[in-house]
Amino acid sequence: MKRRMNNEELSMRVFEMGNEIAYLSRVIERLIPEIHTVPETAKILRCSYNTVLARIADGSLESVKRGRRVMITRQAIDKYLSLK
């Protein structure tokens, strides 16, 4: 039969789980590229929505279509900025 945790043990376990969750979220952030919408990309680049669409159309900014949505990776934004 399992022994029940007292309040101190329980709070310590919750603290440990919080640290594990924080660590895993940092790992996930590094593994999954940031993906931005056109309006988010416009804010990052400090330009208009239409300018982002124009850069996508002329091929200087890479994008991916997900259904009707146009998505831009952080890597593509960094590449565009390095070419500028």
N, C-alpha and C. Protein backbone atom coordinates (compact mmCIF):
# COMPACT_ATOMS: atom_id res chain seq x y z
N MET A 1 0.83 -1.18 0.00
CA MET A 1 0.00 0.00 0.00
C MET A 1 0.88 1.25 0.00
N LYS A 2 0.52 2.21 -0.84
CA LYS A 2 1.30 3.44 -0.96
C LYS A 2 1.08 4.34 0.24
N ARG A 3 2.17 4.96 0.65
CA ARG A 3 2.11 5.92 1.75
C ARG A 3 1.71 7.28 1.20
N ARG A 4 0.88 7.98 1.91
CA ARG A 4 0.46 9.32 1.49
C ARG A 4 1.54 10.34 1.82
N MET A 5 1.73 11.31 0.94
CA MET A 5 2.72 12.36 1.17
C MET A 5 2.19 13.39 2.14
N ASN A 6 3.08 13.90 2.96
CA ASN A 6 2.67 15.02 3.81
C ASN A 6 2.77 16.30 3.00
N ASN A 7 2.35 17.41 3.57
CA ASN A 7 2.32 18.68 2.83
C ASN A 7 3.70 19.12 2.36
N GLU A 8 4.71 18.92 3.19
CA GLU A 8 6.06 19.32 2.81
C GLU A 8 6.57 18.51 1.62
N GLU A 9 6.35 17.18 1.65
CA GLU A 9 6.78 16.32 0.54
C GLU A 9 6.02 16.67 -0.73
N LEU A 10 4.74 16.94 -0.58
CA LEU A 10 3.91 17.28 -1.73
C LEU A 10 4.37 18.60 -2.36
N SER A 11 4.62 19.60 -1.54
CA SER A 11 5.06 20.89 -2.09
C SER A 11 6.44 20.76 -2.75
N MET A 12 7.32 19.92 -2.18
CA MET A 12 8.63 19.69 -2.79
C MET A 12 8.47 19.01 -4.15
N ARG A 13 7.58 18.04 -4.25
CA ARG A 13 7.35 17.33 -5.52
C ARG A 13 6.75 18.28 -6.57
N VAL A 14 5.85 19.15 -6.16
CA VAL A 14 5.27 20.13 -7.09
C VAL A 14 6.36 21.08 -7.59
N PHE A 15 7.25 21.50 -6.69
CA PHE A 15 8.37 22.35 -7.07
C PHE A 15 9.26 21.65 -8.08
N GLU A 16 9.58 20.38 -7.84
CA GLU A 16 10.42 19.60 -8.77
C GLU A 16 9.75 19.47 -10.13
N MET A 17 8.44 19.22 -10.13
CA MET A 17 7.71 19.10 -11.40
C MET A 17 7.72 20.42 -12.16
N GLY A 18 7.62 21.53 -11.44
CA GLY A 18 7.68 22.84 -12.09
C GLY A 18 9.02 23.06 -12.78
N ASN A 19 10.10 22.63 -12.12
CA ASN A 19 11.42 22.75 -12.73
C ASN A 19 11.54 21.87 -13.97
N GLU A 20 10.97 20.66 -13.90
CA GLU A 20 11.00 19.76 -15.06
C GLU A 20 10.23 20.35 -16.22
N ILE A 21 9.08 20.94 -15.94
CA ILE A 21 8.26 21.55 -17.00
C ILE A 21 9.01 22.73 -17.63
N ALA A 22 9.65 23.55 -16.81
CA ALA A 22 10.41 24.69 -17.34
C ALA A 22 11.55 24.21 -18.22
N TYR A 23 12.24 23.16 -17.80
CA TYR A 23 13.34 22.61 -18.59
C TYR A 23 12.83 22.08 -19.92
N LEU A 24 11.74 21.32 -19.88
CA LEU A 24 11.19 20.74 -21.12
C LEU A 24 10.71 21.82 -22.07
N SER A 25 10.14 22.90 -21.55
CA SER A 25 9.67 23.97 -22.44
C SER A 25 10.86 24.64 -23.13
N ARG A 26 12.00 24.78 -22.43
CA ARG A 26 13.19 25.36 -23.07
C ARG A 26 13.72 24.43 -24.15
N VAL A 27 13.69 23.12 -23.91
CA VAL A 27 14.14 22.15 -24.90
C VAL A 27 13.25 22.21 -26.14
N ILE A 28 11.96 22.26 -25.93
CA ILE A 28 11.00 22.30 -27.04
C ILE A 28 11.20 23.58 -27.86
N GLU A 29 11.43 24.70 -27.19
CA GLU A 29 11.66 25.96 -27.91
C GLU A 29 12.86 25.87 -28.84
N ARG A 30 13.91 25.14 -28.41
CA ARG A 30 15.10 25.01 -29.25
C ARG A 30 14.87 24.03 -30.39
N LEU A 31 14.04 23.03 -30.18
CA LEU A 31 13.84 22.01 -31.21
C LEU A 31 12.84 22.42 -32.27
N ILE A 32 11.84 23.16 -31.90
CA ILE A 32 10.79 23.55 -32.84
C ILE A 32 11.05 24.99 -33.28
N PRO A 33 11.17 25.21 -34.59
CA PRO A 33 11.41 26.58 -35.05
C PRO A 33 10.20 27.46 -34.78
N GLU A 34 10.47 28.71 -34.47
CA GLU A 34 9.38 29.64 -34.28
C GLU A 34 8.71 29.89 -35.63
N ILE A 35 7.40 29.85 -35.65
CA ILE A 35 6.65 30.09 -36.87
C ILE A 35 5.75 31.30 -36.64
N HIS A 36 5.79 32.25 -37.57
CA HIS A 36 5.05 33.49 -37.41
C HIS A 36 4.07 33.69 -38.56
N THR A 37 3.01 34.39 -38.27
CA THR A 37 2.04 34.78 -39.29
C THR A 37 2.57 36.04 -39.99
N VAL A 38 1.89 36.47 -41.03
CA VAL A 38 2.30 37.68 -41.75
C VAL A 38 2.25 38.91 -40.83
N PRO A 39 1.16 39.12 -40.07
CA PRO A 39 1.15 40.29 -39.18
C PRO A 39 2.27 40.26 -38.13
N GLU A 40 2.55 39.08 -37.57
CA GLU A 40 3.64 38.96 -36.59
C GLU A 40 4.98 39.28 -37.24
N THR A 41 5.17 38.79 -38.46
CA THR A 41 6.41 39.04 -39.20
C THR A 41 6.56 40.53 -39.48
N ALA A 42 5.46 41.19 -39.83
CA ALA A 42 5.50 42.63 -40.08
C ALA A 42 5.94 43.38 -38.83
N LYS A 43 5.47 42.97 -37.67
CA LYS A 43 5.90 43.61 -36.42
C LYS A 43 7.38 43.39 -36.17
N ILE A 44 7.85 42.15 -36.40
CA ILE A 44 9.26 41.83 -36.18
C ILE A 44 10.15 42.66 -37.10
N LEU A 45 9.74 42.77 -38.38
CA LEU A 45 10.54 43.50 -39.37
C LEU A 45 10.28 45.01 -39.35
N ARG A 46 9.29 45.43 -38.57
CA ARG A 46 8.90 46.84 -38.49
C ARG A 46 8.55 47.40 -39.86
N CYS A 47 7.68 46.67 -40.52
CA CYS A 47 7.19 47.12 -41.82
C CYS A 47 5.70 46.78 -41.91
N SER A 48 5.09 47.08 -43.03
CA SER A 48 3.65 46.83 -43.17
C SER A 48 3.36 45.40 -43.60
N TYR A 49 2.12 45.03 -43.41
CA TYR A 49 1.60 43.73 -43.83
C TYR A 49 1.85 43.53 -45.33
N ASN A 50 1.53 44.57 -46.12
CA ASN A 50 1.70 44.49 -47.58
C ASN A 50 3.16 44.35 -47.99
N THR A 51 4.07 44.95 -47.24
CA THR A 51 5.49 44.82 -47.55
C THR A 51 5.94 43.37 -47.36
N VAL A 52 5.46 42.73 -46.29
CA VAL A 52 5.80 41.32 -46.05
C VAL A 52 5.28 40.47 -47.20
N LEU A 53 4.04 40.72 -47.62
CA LEU A 53 3.48 39.96 -48.75
C LEU A 53 4.29 40.20 -50.03
N ALA A 54 4.74 41.43 -50.23
CA ALA A 54 5.54 41.75 -51.42
C ALA A 54 6.88 41.01 -51.38
N ARG A 55 7.51 40.94 -50.20
CA ARG A 55 8.79 40.22 -50.08
C ARG A 55 8.60 38.73 -50.30
N ILE A 56 7.47 38.20 -49.89
CA ILE A 56 7.17 36.79 -50.14
C ILE A 56 6.96 36.58 -51.64
N ALA A 57 6.22 37.49 -52.26
CA ALA A 57 5.93 37.37 -53.70
C ALA A 57 7.19 37.47 -54.54
N ASP A 58 8.15 38.35 -54.16
CA ASP A 58 9.36 38.48 -54.98
C ASP A 58 10.43 37.45 -54.61
N GLY A 59 10.13 36.61 -53.61
CA GLY A 59 11.03 35.51 -53.28
C GLY A 59 12.13 35.83 -52.29
N SER A 60 12.19 37.06 -51.81
CA SER A 60 13.25 37.41 -50.87
C SER A 60 12.96 36.96 -49.44
N LEU A 61 11.71 36.62 -49.16
CA LEU A 61 11.32 36.09 -47.85
C LEU A 61 10.59 34.77 -48.06
N GLU A 62 11.18 33.70 -47.52
CA GLU A 62 10.59 32.37 -47.70
C GLU A 62 9.37 32.21 -46.79
N SER A 63 8.38 31.48 -47.29
CA SER A 63 7.18 31.23 -46.48
C SER A 63 6.63 29.85 -46.80
N VAL A 64 5.70 29.43 -45.96
CA VAL A 64 5.03 28.14 -46.13
C VAL A 64 3.54 28.39 -46.00
N LYS A 65 2.75 27.78 -46.87
CA LYS A 65 1.30 27.91 -46.77
C LYS A 65 0.74 26.74 -45.99
N ARG A 66 -0.06 27.04 -45.00
CA ARG A 66 -0.78 26.03 -44.24
C ARG A 66 -2.26 26.30 -44.47
N GLY A 67 -2.84 25.59 -45.41
CA GLY A 67 -4.22 25.89 -45.79
C GLY A 67 -4.25 27.26 -46.42
N ARG A 68 -5.02 28.16 -45.84
CA ARG A 68 -5.09 29.53 -46.35
C ARG A 68 -4.09 30.46 -45.67
N ARG A 69 -3.45 29.99 -44.61
CA ARG A 69 -2.53 30.83 -43.84
C ARG A 69 -1.12 30.78 -44.41
N VAL A 70 -0.48 31.93 -44.42
CA VAL A 70 0.92 32.02 -44.84
C VAL A 70 1.75 32.12 -43.56
N MET A 71 2.71 31.23 -43.40
CA MET A 71 3.53 31.18 -42.20
C MET A 71 5.00 31.40 -42.58
N ILE A 72 5.73 32.10 -41.71
CA ILE A 72 7.14 32.40 -41.95
C ILE A 72 7.93 31.93 -40.74
N THR A 73 8.99 31.15 -40.96
CA THR A 73 9.81 30.68 -39.84
C THR A 73 10.77 31.78 -39.40
N ARG A 74 11.21 31.68 -38.17
CA ARG A 74 12.18 32.64 -37.65
C ARG A 74 13.48 32.56 -38.45
N GLN A 75 13.81 31.35 -38.88
CA GLN A 75 15.02 31.15 -39.69
C GLN A 75 14.92 31.94 -41.00
N ALA A 76 13.74 31.93 -41.64
CA ALA A 76 13.55 32.68 -42.88
C ALA A 76 13.66 34.18 -42.64
N ILE A 77 13.14 34.64 -41.50
CA ILE A 77 13.25 36.06 -41.15
C ILE A 77 14.71 36.45 -40.96
N ASP A 78 15.46 35.62 -40.22
CA ASP A 78 16.87 35.90 -39.98
C ASP A 78 17.66 35.91 -41.29
N LYS A 79 17.33 34.97 -42.19
CA LYS A 79 18.00 34.91 -43.49
C LYS A 79 17.70 36.18 -44.29
N TYR A 80 16.46 36.63 -44.29
CA TYR A 80 16.07 37.85 -45.00
C TYR A 80 16.82 39.05 -44.44
N LEU A 81 16.93 39.14 -43.12
CA LEU A 81 17.63 40.26 -42.50
C LEU A 81 19.11 40.26 -42.81
N SER A 82 19.69 39.07 -42.94
CA SER A 82 21.12 39.01 -43.24
C SER A 82 21.40 39.39 -44.70
N LEU A 83 20.42 39.24 -45.58
CA LEU A 83 20.58 39.61 -46.99
C LEU A 83 20.39 41.10 -47.19
N LYS A 84 19.68 41.73 -46.28
CA LYS A 84 19.32 43.14 -46.42
C LYS A 84 20.50 44.04 -46.29
